[in-house]
Amino acid sequence: MLRLLADENFNGDIVRGLLLRQPDLDIVRVQDVDLASVDDPGILTWAAENNRIVVAHDGATMPAFAHERLVAGKRMPGVFIISDRLAVGQAIEELLLMNACCTQEEFDGRVLYLPL
């Protein structure tokens, strides 16, 4: 099972839909772990320390900060960038599919854009 961290501006309807479909899904929001208003590098640091893949809509800055971590030799357990234009239902399906078919370790050091 994947361990996910939803970025601050990640669509809450997607998080709620994921938990309705799979109540045991291991997902927390940055707001739930006192990271509200923390910048992207801080979120990536917390995610690395807690072995969580970041899910975000922010394709402009989050991938660049993830790359900076990798270049600096720091751990980066993965980032999923989900287009904010993607329908909520399709985003839910994509994430549930990733959770069912993949392991956490497959995404170490990777930024993945969904849908595939």
N, C-alpha and C. Protein backbone atom coordinates (compact mmCIF):
# COMPACT_ATOMS: atom_id res chain seq x y z
N MET A 1 0.84 -1.18 0.00
CA MET A 1 0.00 0.00 0.00
C MET A 1 0.89 1.25 0.00
N LEU A 2 0.48 2.22 -0.80
CA LEU A 2 1.22 3.47 -0.87
C LEU A 2 0.91 4.33 0.35
N ARG A 3 1.90 5.14 0.72
CA ARG A 3 1.74 6.12 1.80
C ARG A 3 1.78 7.49 1.15
N LEU A 4 0.65 8.21 1.20
CA LEU A 4 0.51 9.45 0.46
C LEU A 4 0.38 10.67 1.37
N LEU A 5 0.86 11.81 0.86
CA LEU A 5 0.71 13.10 1.53
C LEU A 5 0.11 14.06 0.51
N ALA A 6 -1.11 14.53 0.76
CA ALA A 6 -1.79 15.46 -0.14
C ALA A 6 -1.32 16.88 0.16
N ASP A 7 -0.83 17.55 -0.88
CA ASP A 7 -0.37 18.92 -0.77
C ASP A 7 -1.51 19.84 -0.34
N GLU A 8 -1.15 21.01 0.15
CA GLU A 8 -2.13 21.93 0.73
C GLU A 8 -3.27 22.29 -0.23
N ASN A 9 -2.97 22.50 -1.48
CA ASN A 9 -3.99 22.90 -2.44
C ASN A 9 -4.55 21.74 -3.25
N PHE A 10 -4.27 20.52 -2.80
CA PHE A 10 -4.79 19.35 -3.49
C PHE A 10 -6.30 19.28 -3.27
N ASN A 11 -7.04 18.95 -4.30
CA ASN A 11 -8.49 18.92 -4.25
C ASN A 11 -9.01 17.99 -3.14
N GLY A 12 -9.69 18.58 -2.16
CA GLY A 12 -10.23 17.81 -1.05
C GLY A 12 -11.28 16.81 -1.46
N ASP A 13 -11.99 17.09 -2.57
CA ASP A 13 -12.98 16.12 -3.06
C ASP A 13 -12.30 14.82 -3.49
N ILE A 14 -11.09 14.93 -4.01
CA ILE A 14 -10.35 13.72 -4.40
C ILE A 14 -9.98 12.93 -3.15
N VAL A 15 -9.48 13.61 -2.13
CA VAL A 15 -9.10 12.93 -0.89
C VAL A 15 -10.32 12.25 -0.27
N ARG A 16 -11.42 12.97 -0.18
CA ARG A 16 -12.64 12.39 0.40
C ARG A 16 -13.13 11.20 -0.42
N GLY A 17 -13.09 11.32 -1.75
CA GLY A 17 -13.52 10.23 -2.62
C GLY A 17 -12.63 9.01 -2.48
N LEU A 18 -11.33 9.24 -2.35
CA LEU A 18 -10.41 8.12 -2.14
C LEU A 18 -10.75 7.37 -0.87
N LEU A 19 -11.00 8.12 0.20
CA LEU A 19 -11.28 7.49 1.49
C LEU A 19 -12.66 6.83 1.52
N LEU A 20 -13.60 7.35 0.75
CA LEU A 20 -14.90 6.69 0.65
C LEU A 20 -14.76 5.35 -0.07
N ARG A 21 -13.96 5.32 -1.12
CA ARG A 21 -13.77 4.10 -1.90
C ARG A 21 -12.86 3.11 -1.21
N GLN A 22 -11.86 3.62 -0.48
CA GLN A 22 -10.90 2.74 0.19
C GLN A 22 -10.56 3.34 1.56
N PRO A 23 -11.39 3.06 2.57
CA PRO A 23 -11.22 3.69 3.88
C PRO A 23 -9.86 3.44 4.54
N ASP A 24 -9.19 2.35 4.18
CA ASP A 24 -7.89 2.06 4.80
C ASP A 24 -6.72 2.67 4.03
N LEU A 25 -6.99 3.47 3.01
CA LEU A 25 -5.92 4.11 2.24
C LEU A 25 -5.09 4.98 3.18
N ASP A 26 -3.79 4.90 3.05
CA ASP A 26 -2.87 5.64 3.92
C ASP A 26 -2.56 6.99 3.27
N ILE A 27 -3.45 7.95 3.50
CA ILE A 27 -3.27 9.30 2.97
C ILE A 27 -3.53 10.31 4.07
N VAL A 28 -2.64 11.29 4.17
CA VAL A 28 -2.84 12.41 5.09
C VAL A 28 -2.69 13.69 4.29
N ARG A 29 -3.33 14.73 4.78
CA ARG A 29 -3.21 16.05 4.15
C ARG A 29 -2.18 16.86 4.92
N VAL A 30 -1.52 17.80 4.25
CA VAL A 30 -0.54 18.62 4.96
C VAL A 30 -1.19 19.35 6.13
N GLN A 31 -2.46 19.68 5.99
CA GLN A 31 -3.18 20.35 7.08
C GLN A 31 -3.30 19.45 8.32
N ASP A 32 -3.34 18.13 8.10
CA ASP A 32 -3.49 17.18 9.20
C ASP A 32 -2.21 16.99 9.99
N VAL A 33 -1.07 17.35 9.40
CA VAL A 33 0.22 17.11 10.05
C VAL A 33 0.96 18.44 10.29
N ASP A 34 0.20 19.50 10.46
CA ASP A 34 0.74 20.82 10.80
C ASP A 34 1.75 21.35 9.78
N LEU A 35 1.48 21.10 8.49
CA LEU A 35 2.34 21.63 7.45
C LEU A 35 1.65 22.69 6.60
N ALA A 36 0.47 23.14 7.03
CA ALA A 36 -0.23 24.18 6.29
C ALA A 36 0.68 25.40 6.17
N SER A 37 0.73 25.97 5.00
CA SER A 37 1.54 27.16 4.68
C SER A 37 3.04 26.88 4.64
N VAL A 38 3.45 25.62 4.74
CA VAL A 38 4.87 25.26 4.60
C VAL A 38 5.19 25.23 3.10
N ASP A 39 6.37 25.70 2.72
CA ASP A 39 6.74 25.73 1.31
C ASP A 39 7.03 24.32 0.79
N ASP A 40 7.13 24.22 -0.54
CA ASP A 40 7.34 22.92 -1.18
C ASP A 40 8.58 22.19 -0.66
N PRO A 41 9.74 22.86 -0.51
CA PRO A 41 10.90 22.13 0.02
C PRO A 41 10.64 21.55 1.42
N GLY A 42 9.92 22.28 2.25
CA GLY A 42 9.59 21.78 3.59
C GLY A 42 8.66 20.58 3.54
N ILE A 43 7.71 20.62 2.63
CA ILE A 43 6.79 19.49 2.46
C ILE A 43 7.55 18.26 1.96
N LEU A 44 8.45 18.46 1.02
CA LEU A 44 9.24 17.33 0.51
C LEU A 44 10.16 16.76 1.58
N THR A 45 10.70 17.62 2.43
CA THR A 45 11.53 17.14 3.53
C THR A 45 10.72 16.27 4.48
N TRP A 46 9.53 16.77 4.87
CA TRP A 46 8.67 16.01 5.78
C TRP A 46 8.28 14.68 5.13
N ALA A 47 7.93 14.73 3.84
CA ALA A 47 7.54 13.50 3.13
C ALA A 47 8.68 12.49 3.13
N ALA A 48 9.91 12.95 2.93
CA ALA A 48 11.06 12.05 2.94
C ALA A 48 11.28 11.45 4.33
N GLU A 49 11.15 12.28 5.35
CA GLU A 49 11.34 11.80 6.73
C GLU A 49 10.26 10.80 7.14
N ASN A 50 9.08 10.90 6.52
CA ASN A 50 7.95 10.05 6.88
C ASN A 50 7.58 9.05 5.79
N ASN A 51 8.46 8.91 4.80
CA ASN A 51 8.28 7.96 3.70
C ASN A 51 6.89 8.05 3.07
N ARG A 52 6.58 9.25 2.57
CA ARG A 52 5.29 9.48 1.93
C ARG A 52 5.49 10.08 0.55
N ILE A 53 4.70 9.63 -0.40
CA ILE A 53 4.68 10.19 -1.74
C ILE A 53 3.77 11.40 -1.71
N VAL A 54 4.25 12.51 -2.23
CA VAL A 54 3.45 13.73 -2.28
C VAL A 54 2.53 13.68 -3.49
N VAL A 55 1.25 13.98 -3.28
CA VAL A 55 0.31 14.14 -4.39
C VAL A 55 -0.05 15.62 -4.45
N ALA A 56 0.08 16.19 -5.64
CA ALA A 56 -0.11 17.63 -5.79
C ALA A 56 -0.67 17.94 -7.17
N HIS A 57 -1.22 19.13 -7.28
CA HIS A 57 -1.62 19.65 -8.59
C HIS A 57 -0.55 20.57 -9.15
N ASP A 58 0.39 20.98 -8.32
CA ASP A 58 1.38 22.00 -8.65
C ASP A 58 2.51 21.44 -9.52
N GLY A 59 2.28 21.45 -10.83
CA GLY A 59 3.30 20.98 -11.74
C GLY A 59 4.34 22.04 -12.07
N ALA A 60 4.14 23.25 -11.56
CA ALA A 60 5.07 24.33 -11.87
C ALA A 60 6.30 24.33 -10.97
N THR A 61 6.11 24.12 -9.68
CA THR A 61 7.24 24.24 -8.75
C THR A 61 7.62 22.93 -8.05
N MET A 62 6.64 22.11 -7.71
CA MET A 62 6.94 20.89 -6.94
C MET A 62 7.95 19.98 -7.65
N PRO A 63 7.82 19.72 -8.97
CA PRO A 63 8.82 18.86 -9.62
C PRO A 63 10.23 19.46 -9.57
N ALA A 64 10.34 20.76 -9.70
CA ALA A 64 11.66 21.39 -9.66
C ALA A 64 12.30 21.22 -8.29
N PHE A 65 11.53 21.39 -7.23
CA PHE A 65 12.06 21.21 -5.88
C PHE A 65 12.41 19.74 -5.63
N ALA A 66 11.61 18.83 -6.17
CA ALA A 66 11.92 17.40 -6.03
C ALA A 66 13.24 17.10 -6.74
N HIS A 67 13.43 17.66 -7.91
CA HIS A 67 14.69 17.46 -8.64
C HIS A 67 15.87 18.03 -7.86
N GLU A 68 15.70 19.19 -7.25
CA GLU A 68 16.77 19.79 -6.44
C GLU A 68 17.18 18.85 -5.31
N ARG A 69 16.20 18.20 -4.67
CA ARG A 69 16.52 17.23 -3.60
C ARG A 69 17.38 16.10 -4.15
N LEU A 70 17.01 15.60 -5.30
CA LEU A 70 17.75 14.48 -5.89
C LEU A 70 19.17 14.89 -6.26
N VAL A 71 19.32 16.05 -6.85
CA VAL A 71 20.65 16.54 -7.23
C VAL A 71 21.53 16.72 -6.00
N ALA A 72 20.91 17.13 -4.88
CA ALA A 72 21.65 17.33 -3.63
C ALA A 72 21.92 16.01 -2.91
N GLY A 73 21.46 14.90 -3.47
CA GLY A 73 21.69 13.59 -2.85
C GLY A 73 20.75 13.29 -1.70
N LYS A 74 19.64 14.02 -1.63
CA LYS A 74 18.66 13.80 -0.56
C LYS A 74 17.59 12.83 -1.04
N ARG A 75 17.01 12.14 -0.07
CA ARG A 75 15.95 11.18 -0.39
C ARG A 75 14.69 11.91 -0.83
N MET A 76 13.99 11.31 -1.80
CA MET A 76 12.73 11.86 -2.29
C MET A 76 11.84 10.68 -2.64
N PRO A 77 10.87 10.34 -1.77
CA PRO A 77 10.08 9.13 -1.97
C PRO A 77 9.09 9.17 -3.13
N GLY A 78 9.03 10.28 -3.83
CA GLY A 78 8.17 10.35 -5.01
C GLY A 78 7.18 11.49 -4.95
N VAL A 79 6.77 11.91 -6.13
CA VAL A 79 5.74 12.95 -6.28
C VAL A 79 4.82 12.51 -7.40
N PHE A 80 3.52 12.60 -7.16
CA PHE A 80 2.52 12.41 -8.20
C PHE A 80 1.92 13.77 -8.50
N ILE A 81 2.05 14.23 -9.73
CA ILE A 81 1.43 15.48 -10.15
C ILE A 81 0.17 15.11 -10.92
N ILE A 82 -0.96 15.58 -10.40
CA ILE A 82 -2.25 15.27 -11.00
C ILE A 82 -2.84 16.57 -11.54
N SER A 83 -3.11 16.60 -12.82
CA SER A 83 -3.66 17.79 -13.44
C SER A 83 -4.93 18.22 -12.72
N ASP A 84 -5.03 19.52 -12.45
CA ASP A 84 -6.25 20.00 -11.80
C ASP A 84 -7.41 20.07 -12.79
N ARG A 85 -7.15 19.78 -14.04
CA ARG A 85 -8.20 19.71 -15.06
C ARG A 85 -8.81 18.31 -15.15
N LEU A 86 -8.16 17.35 -14.50
CA LEU A 86 -8.64 15.97 -14.53
C LEU A 86 -9.90 15.87 -13.69
N ALA A 87 -10.88 15.17 -14.20
CA ALA A 87 -12.13 14.97 -13.45
C ALA A 87 -11.83 14.29 -12.12
N VAL A 88 -12.57 14.67 -11.10
CA VAL A 88 -12.35 14.12 -9.75
C VAL A 88 -12.42 12.60 -9.79
N GLY A 89 -13.43 12.05 -10.43
CA GLY A 89 -13.58 10.60 -10.49
C GLY A 89 -12.41 9.91 -11.15
N GLN A 90 -11.88 10.51 -12.22
CA GLN A 90 -10.74 9.91 -12.90
C GLN A 90 -9.48 10.00 -12.04
N ALA A 91 -9.30 11.11 -11.32
CA ALA A 91 -8.16 11.24 -10.41
C ALA A 91 -8.22 10.16 -9.33
N ILE A 92 -9.40 9.94 -8.80
CA ILE A 92 -9.58 8.90 -7.78
C ILE A 92 -9.22 7.54 -8.36
N GLU A 93 -9.72 7.23 -9.54
CA GLU A 93 -9.43 5.94 -10.17
C GLU A 93 -7.93 5.76 -10.41
N GLU A 94 -7.27 6.81 -10.89
CA GLU A 94 -5.83 6.74 -11.16
C GLU A 94 -5.05 6.42 -9.88
N LEU A 95 -5.39 7.12 -8.80
CA LEU A 95 -4.66 6.90 -7.55
C LEU A 95 -4.96 5.54 -6.94
N LEU A 96 -6.21 5.10 -7.03
CA LEU A 96 -6.54 3.77 -6.51
C LEU A 96 -5.83 2.68 -7.32
N LEU A 97 -5.73 2.88 -8.62
CA LEU A 97 -5.02 1.92 -9.46
C LEU A 97 -3.54 1.87 -9.08
N MET A 98 -2.92 3.03 -8.90
CA MET A 98 -1.52 3.08 -8.49
C MET A 98 -1.34 2.35 -7.15
N ASN A 99 -2.26 2.58 -6.24
CA ASN A 99 -2.16 1.95 -4.92
C ASN A 99 -2.30 0.43 -5.01
N ALA A 100 -3.18 -0.03 -5.89
CA ALA A 100 -3.43 -1.47 -6.01
C ALA A 100 -2.30 -2.20 -6.74
N CYS A 101 -1.65 -1.52 -7.66
CA CYS A 101 -0.71 -2.21 -8.56
C CYS A 101 0.76 -1.94 -8.27
N CYS A 102 1.07 -1.00 -7.42
CA CYS A 102 2.46 -0.57 -7.26
C CYS A 102 2.91 -0.64 -5.80
N THR A 103 4.21 -0.63 -5.63
CA THR A 103 4.77 -0.56 -4.28
C THR A 103 5.36 0.83 -4.06
N GLN A 104 5.46 1.21 -2.83
CA GLN A 104 6.03 2.50 -2.44
C GLN A 104 7.41 2.71 -3.05
N GLU A 105 8.23 1.69 -3.00
CA GLU A 105 9.62 1.78 -3.45
C GLU A 105 9.76 2.07 -4.93
N GLU A 106 8.75 1.72 -5.72
CA GLU A 106 8.81 1.95 -7.16
C GLU A 106 8.91 3.43 -7.52
N PHE A 107 8.54 4.30 -6.59
CA PHE A 107 8.47 5.72 -6.90
C PHE A 107 9.59 6.54 -6.25
N ASP A 108 10.50 5.86 -5.55
CA ASP A 108 11.64 6.58 -4.96
C ASP A 108 12.36 7.36 -6.06
N GLY A 109 12.52 8.66 -5.82
CA GLY A 109 13.25 9.50 -6.74
C GLY A 109 12.53 9.82 -8.04
N ARG A 110 11.24 9.59 -8.10
CA ARG A 110 10.50 9.80 -9.35
C ARG A 110 9.39 10.82 -9.19
N VAL A 111 9.19 11.58 -10.25
CA VAL A 111 8.03 12.46 -10.36
C VAL A 111 7.18 11.88 -11.48
N LEU A 112 5.94 11.59 -11.15
CA LEU A 112 5.03 10.94 -12.11
C LEU A 112 3.84 11.86 -12.37
N TYR A 113 3.50 12.02 -13.62
CA TYR A 113 2.36 12.86 -14.01
C TYR A 113 1.18 11.96 -14.32
N LEU A 114 0.05 12.24 -13.66
CA LEU A 114 -1.16 11.45 -13.87
C LEU A 114 -2.21 12.33 -14.55
N PRO A 115 -2.98 11.80 -15.50
CA PRO A 115 -3.06 10.38 -15.82
C PRO A 115 -1.86 9.93 -16.64
N LEU A 116 -1.62 8.62 -16.56
CA LEU A 116 -0.48 8.02 -17.27
C LEU A 116 -0.65 8.10 -18.77
